[in-house]
Amino acid sequence: MIKHLACIMDGNRRWAKQWGLPPWEGHRQGSKTIEQVVDFCLEKNIPYLSLYAFSLENLNRTPLELNFLFSLVAQETDSVLDWALKKDVRITFVGDRDKFPASVSPHFELLEKKTSAGSRLHVQILFCYGGRQEICHSVKEIARKVKNGELDADAISDATVAEHLWTCAVPAPDLVIRTGGAQRLSNFLLYQAAYAELYFSEQFWPAITHEDLNKAVNYFDECKRNFGK
């Protein structure tokens, strides 16, 4: 059974190009796909969903595209809050919060506060996120505690590292789906996905369907997971 589904939402811009639209229209359509995937998780009783929305590397995109992306957050906040409350979904944002743009932080805080009681599904949105940077953050926090005498260096374990990750509030993913055709993790949940099953779809994120998601779950169900035993 899948307890945690994680998605690399790739292909928004290529979907837009395919339809002769500007890149930001791909992002707009991609944002609508999120509710569809949420409904899929609720149907399958999957309690955790992680979505790779915006990487630290994405900050290097053009100001025009970034401005649209950040304004889209503001435009979609009321709609997302509405369906999250109706579906009893909790939403949290994970990443380097020091780099969250000032224009989006209040919207993130509102969604987190208003949906904090959601109990059917925890949606973790990775924003200004990078797997390597997350591991560095964990190491720094552990080093600080050792230096201050709060932690014995000999007591450091895998669990210690995991407890200091940005994503420590959710279990490791069982299945990672990447849309868009590429077959790589792109700095996504590098520590947590060590034993996750990986499923790569040729579909662009805005075009993903219930059938595509079912194919990924069926693939997972057919995998033999012995974790090295």
Protein backbone atom coordinates (compact mmCIF):
# COMPACT_ATOMS: atom_id res chain seq x y z
CA MET A 1 0.00 0.00 0.00
CA ILE A 2 1.23 3.47 -0.83
CA LYS A 3 1.46 5.70 2.21
CA HIS A 4 3.30 8.58 0.54
CA LEU A 5 3.09 9.54 -3.14
CA ALA A 6 5.56 12.12 -4.45
CA CYS A 7 5.33 13.87 -7.82
CA ILE A 8 7.83 15.82 -9.91
CA MET A 9 5.45 18.05 -11.84
CA ASP A 10 7.42 18.40 -15.07
CA GLY A 11 6.34 19.53 -18.53
CA ASN A 12 4.20 22.63 -17.93
CA ARG A 13 6.13 24.80 -20.38
CA ARG A 14 6.40 22.09 -23.03
CA TRP A 15 2.67 21.44 -22.77
CA ALA A 16 2.04 25.14 -23.40
CA LYS A 17 4.41 25.17 -26.38
CA GLN A 18 2.65 22.13 -27.79
CA TRP A 19 -0.61 24.10 -27.79
CA GLY A 20 0.91 27.35 -29.01
CA LEU A 21 0.52 29.08 -25.65
CA PRO A 22 2.96 31.17 -23.59
CA PRO A 23 4.87 29.26 -20.89
CA TRP A 24 2.88 30.69 -17.98
CA GLU A 25 -0.34 29.19 -19.36
CA GLY A 26 1.27 25.80 -18.83
CA HIS A 27 1.82 26.69 -15.19
CA ARG A 28 -1.79 27.82 -14.87
CA GLN A 29 -3.08 24.53 -16.29
CA GLY A 30 -0.58 22.58 -14.21
CA SER A 31 -1.92 24.17 -11.04
CA LYS A 32 -5.37 22.81 -11.89
CA THR A 33 -3.97 19.29 -12.19
CA ILE A 34 -3.05 19.37 -8.50
CA GLU A 35 -6.67 19.04 -7.37
CA GLN A 36 -7.10 16.04 -9.67
CA VAL A 37 -4.10 14.30 -8.07
CA VAL A 38 -5.41 15.20 -4.61
CA ASP A 39 -8.72 13.53 -5.49
CA PHE A 40 -6.83 10.46 -6.69
CA CYS A 41 -4.97 10.20 -3.38
CA LEU A 42 -8.23 10.54 -1.44
CA GLU A 43 -9.81 7.82 -3.58
CA LYS A 44 -6.85 5.49 -2.97
CA ASN A 45 -6.58 6.37 0.74
CA ILE A 46 -3.04 7.67 0.31
CA PRO A 47 -2.41 9.90 3.37
CA TYR A 48 0.64 11.87 2.13
CA LEU A 49 1.29 13.66 -1.15
CA SER A 50 4.43 15.65 -1.98
CA LEU A 51 4.52 17.96 -5.00
CA TYR A 52 7.73 19.45 -6.42
CA ALA A 53 6.41 22.88 -7.37
CA PHE A 54 9.46 25.13 -7.53
CA SER A 55 13.15 24.33 -7.12
CA LEU A 56 15.91 26.64 -5.94
CA GLU A 57 17.33 26.42 -9.46
CA ASN A 58 14.03 27.73 -10.84
CA LEU A 59 14.90 31.11 -9.30
CA ASN A 60 17.18 31.55 -12.34
CA ARG A 61 14.22 31.75 -14.74
CA THR A 62 13.29 35.02 -16.46
CA PRO A 63 11.75 37.79 -14.30
CA LEU A 64 8.65 37.69 -16.52
CA GLU A 65 8.03 34.00 -15.87
CA LEU A 66 8.83 34.31 -12.16
CA ASN A 67 6.44 37.23 -11.77
CA PHE A 68 3.68 35.21 -13.36
CA LEU A 69 4.39 32.17 -11.20
CA PHE A 70 4.28 34.20 -8.02
CA SER A 71 1.15 36.08 -9.07
CA LEU A 72 -0.48 32.74 -9.90
CA VAL A 73 -0.02 31.72 -6.26
CA ALA A 74 -2.02 34.76 -5.18
CA GLN A 75 -4.71 34.14 -7.80
CA GLU A 76 -5.17 30.49 -6.86
CA THR A 77 -5.07 30.84 -3.05
CA ASP A 78 -8.83 31.24 -2.53
CA SER A 79 -9.64 28.36 -4.87
CA VAL A 80 -7.09 26.04 -3.26
CA LEU A 81 -8.26 26.96 0.23
CA ASP A 82 -11.87 26.28 -0.76
CA TRP A 83 -11.29 22.75 -2.05
CA ALA A 84 -8.76 21.92 0.68
CA LEU A 85 -11.27 22.72 3.41
CA LYS A 86 -14.07 20.84 1.65
CA LYS A 87 -11.90 17.76 1.18
CA ASP A 88 -10.36 17.91 4.70
CA VAL A 89 -6.84 18.35 3.28
CA ARG A 90 -3.88 19.85 5.10
CA ILE A 91 -1.38 21.89 3.07
CA THR A 92 2.17 22.74 4.11
CA PHE A 93 5.06 24.33 2.23
CA VAL A 94 8.60 22.98 2.50
CA GLY A 95 11.86 24.48 1.32
CA ASP A 96 14.33 27.26 2.07
CA ARG A 97 11.89 29.69 3.66
CA ASP A 98 14.51 32.45 3.65
CA LYS A 99 14.16 32.46 -0.14
CA PHE A 100 10.35 32.48 -0.27
CA PRO A 101 9.38 35.63 -2.21
CA ALA A 102 7.68 38.24 -0.05
CA SER A 103 4.75 38.27 -2.45
CA VAL A 104 3.87 34.61 -1.83
CA SER A 105 4.75 34.07 1.85
CA PRO A 106 1.48 35.52 3.22
CA HIS A 107 -0.52 33.22 0.93
CA PHE A 108 1.47 30.19 2.05
CA GLU A 109 0.99 31.13 5.69
CA LEU A 110 -2.75 31.54 5.17
CA LEU A 111 -3.11 28.13 3.53
CA GLU A 112 -1.05 26.44 6.23
CA LYS A 113 -3.00 28.09 9.05
CA LYS A 114 -6.49 27.57 7.62
CA THR A 115 -5.89 23.92 6.62
CA SER A 116 -3.90 22.83 9.69
CA ALA A 117 -6.77 20.64 10.95
CA GLY A 118 -7.05 18.69 7.68
CA SER A 119 -6.86 14.97 8.48
CA ARG A 120 -7.65 13.00 5.30
CA LEU A 121 -4.55 13.97 3.31
CA HIS A 122 -1.39 15.95 4.03
CA VAL A 123 -0.21 17.74 0.89
CA GLN A 124 3.40 18.88 1.15
CA ILE A 125 4.32 21.42 -1.53
CA LEU A 126 8.06 21.75 -2.12
CA PHE A 127 8.86 25.37 -2.97
CA CYS A 128 12.33 26.93 -3.20
CA TYR A 129 13.44 23.39 -2.52
CA GLY A 130 16.58 21.42 -3.30
CA GLY A 131 17.48 17.97 -2.01
CA ARG A 132 21.19 18.70 -1.63
CA GLN A 133 20.46 21.97 0.12
CA GLU A 134 18.05 20.19 2.45
CA ILE A 135 20.74 17.67 3.42
CA CYS A 136 23.22 20.51 4.01
CA HIS A 137 20.66 22.19 6.26
CA SER A 138 20.26 18.97 8.26
CA VAL A 139 24.04 18.57 8.64
CA LYS A 140 24.43 22.17 9.81
CA GLU A 141 21.69 21.78 12.41
CA ILE A 142 23.24 18.57 13.71
CA ALA A 143 26.72 20.17 13.81
CA ARG A 144 25.31 23.14 15.74
CA LYS A 145 23.73 20.83 18.33
CA VAL A 146 26.94 18.84 18.72
CA LYS A 147 28.91 22.07 19.17
CA ASN A 148 26.46 23.31 21.81
CA GLY A 149 26.52 20.01 23.69
CA GLU A 150 22.90 19.23 22.82
CA LEU A 151 23.80 16.09 20.88
CA ASP A 152 26.49 13.41 21.23
CA ALA A 153 28.31 12.94 17.92
CA ASP A 154 28.49 9.17 18.50
CA ALA A 155 24.70 9.06 18.75
CA ILE A 156 24.14 10.44 15.23
CA SER A 157 22.25 7.97 13.03
CA ASP A 158 20.19 7.86 9.85
CA ALA A 159 17.20 8.81 11.99
CA THR A 160 19.05 11.86 13.31
CA VAL A 161 19.65 13.16 9.79
CA ALA A 162 16.02 12.50 8.82
CA GLU A 163 14.73 14.31 11.91
CA HIS A 164 16.53 17.50 10.84
CA LEU A 165 15.35 17.54 7.23
CA TRP A 166 12.81 20.14 6.06
CA THR A 167 10.49 17.22 5.26
CA CYS A 168 10.72 15.57 8.69
CA ALA A 169 6.95 15.86 9.25
CA VAL A 170 6.14 13.16 6.67
CA PRO A 171 7.41 9.61 6.04
CA ALA A 172 9.70 8.72 3.15
CA PRO A 173 7.92 8.36 -0.22
CA ASP A 174 6.93 4.93 -1.45
CA LEU A 175 6.44 5.99 -5.07
CA VAL A 176 7.90 8.93 -7.01
CA ILE A 177 6.16 9.86 -10.26
CA ARG A 178 7.89 12.14 -12.73
CA THR A 179 5.95 13.45 -15.70
CA GLY A 180 7.37 15.00 -18.86
CA GLY A 181 9.55 12.14 -20.10
CA ALA A 182 12.80 12.87 -18.25
CA GLN A 183 14.18 10.05 -16.09
CA ARG A 184 16.00 11.73 -13.24
CA LEU A 185 15.24 13.06 -9.75
CA SER A 186 16.49 16.62 -10.38
CA ASN A 187 17.47 17.25 -6.76
CA PHE A 188 14.12 15.99 -5.43
CA LEU A 189 13.95 14.17 -2.08
CA LEU A 190 17.44 12.72 -2.58
CA TYR A 191 17.74 11.40 0.97
CA GLN A 192 14.14 10.30 1.40
CA ALA A 193 13.73 8.52 -1.95
CA ALA A 194 16.53 6.02 -1.30
CA TYR A 195 14.09 3.07 -1.42
CA ALA A 196 11.22 4.64 -3.35
CA GLU A 197 9.94 3.09 -6.55
CA LEU A 198 10.41 5.46 -9.50
CA TYR A 199 7.83 5.81 -12.28
CA PHE A 200 8.44 7.98 -15.33
CA SER A 201 5.56 9.13 -17.53
CA GLU A 202 5.80 10.66 -20.99
CA GLN A 203 2.72 12.76 -20.24
CA PHE A 204 3.26 16.43 -19.46
CA TRP A 205 2.00 17.38 -15.99
CA PRO A 206 -1.01 19.43 -17.21
CA ALA A 207 -2.18 16.43 -19.27
CA ILE A 208 -1.88 13.78 -16.55
CA THR A 209 -5.03 11.70 -16.16
CA HIS A 210 -6.61 9.37 -13.61
CA GLU A 211 -5.64 6.50 -15.91
CA ASP A 212 -1.99 7.63 -15.93
CA LEU A 213 -1.95 7.72 -12.15
CA ASN A 214 -3.52 4.27 -11.99
CA LYS A 215 -0.78 2.93 -14.27
CA ALA A 216 1.83 4.26 -11.85
CA VAL A 217 0.10 2.65 -8.88
CA ASN A 218 -0.23 -0.64 -10.74
CA TYR A 219 3.50 -0.50 -11.49
CA PHE A 220 4.17 0.03 -7.78
CA ASP A 221 1.93 -2.89 -6.82
CA GLU A 222 3.92 -5.19 -9.12
CA CYS A 223 7.28 -4.20 -7.64
CA LYS A 224 8.94 -6.53 -5.16
CA ARG A 225 10.14 -4.36 -2.32
CA ASN A 226 12.59 -6.26 -0.08
CA PHE A 227 14.75 -3.29 1.00
CA GLY A 228 17.96 -5.28 0.49
CA LYS A 229 16.84 -8.32 2.44
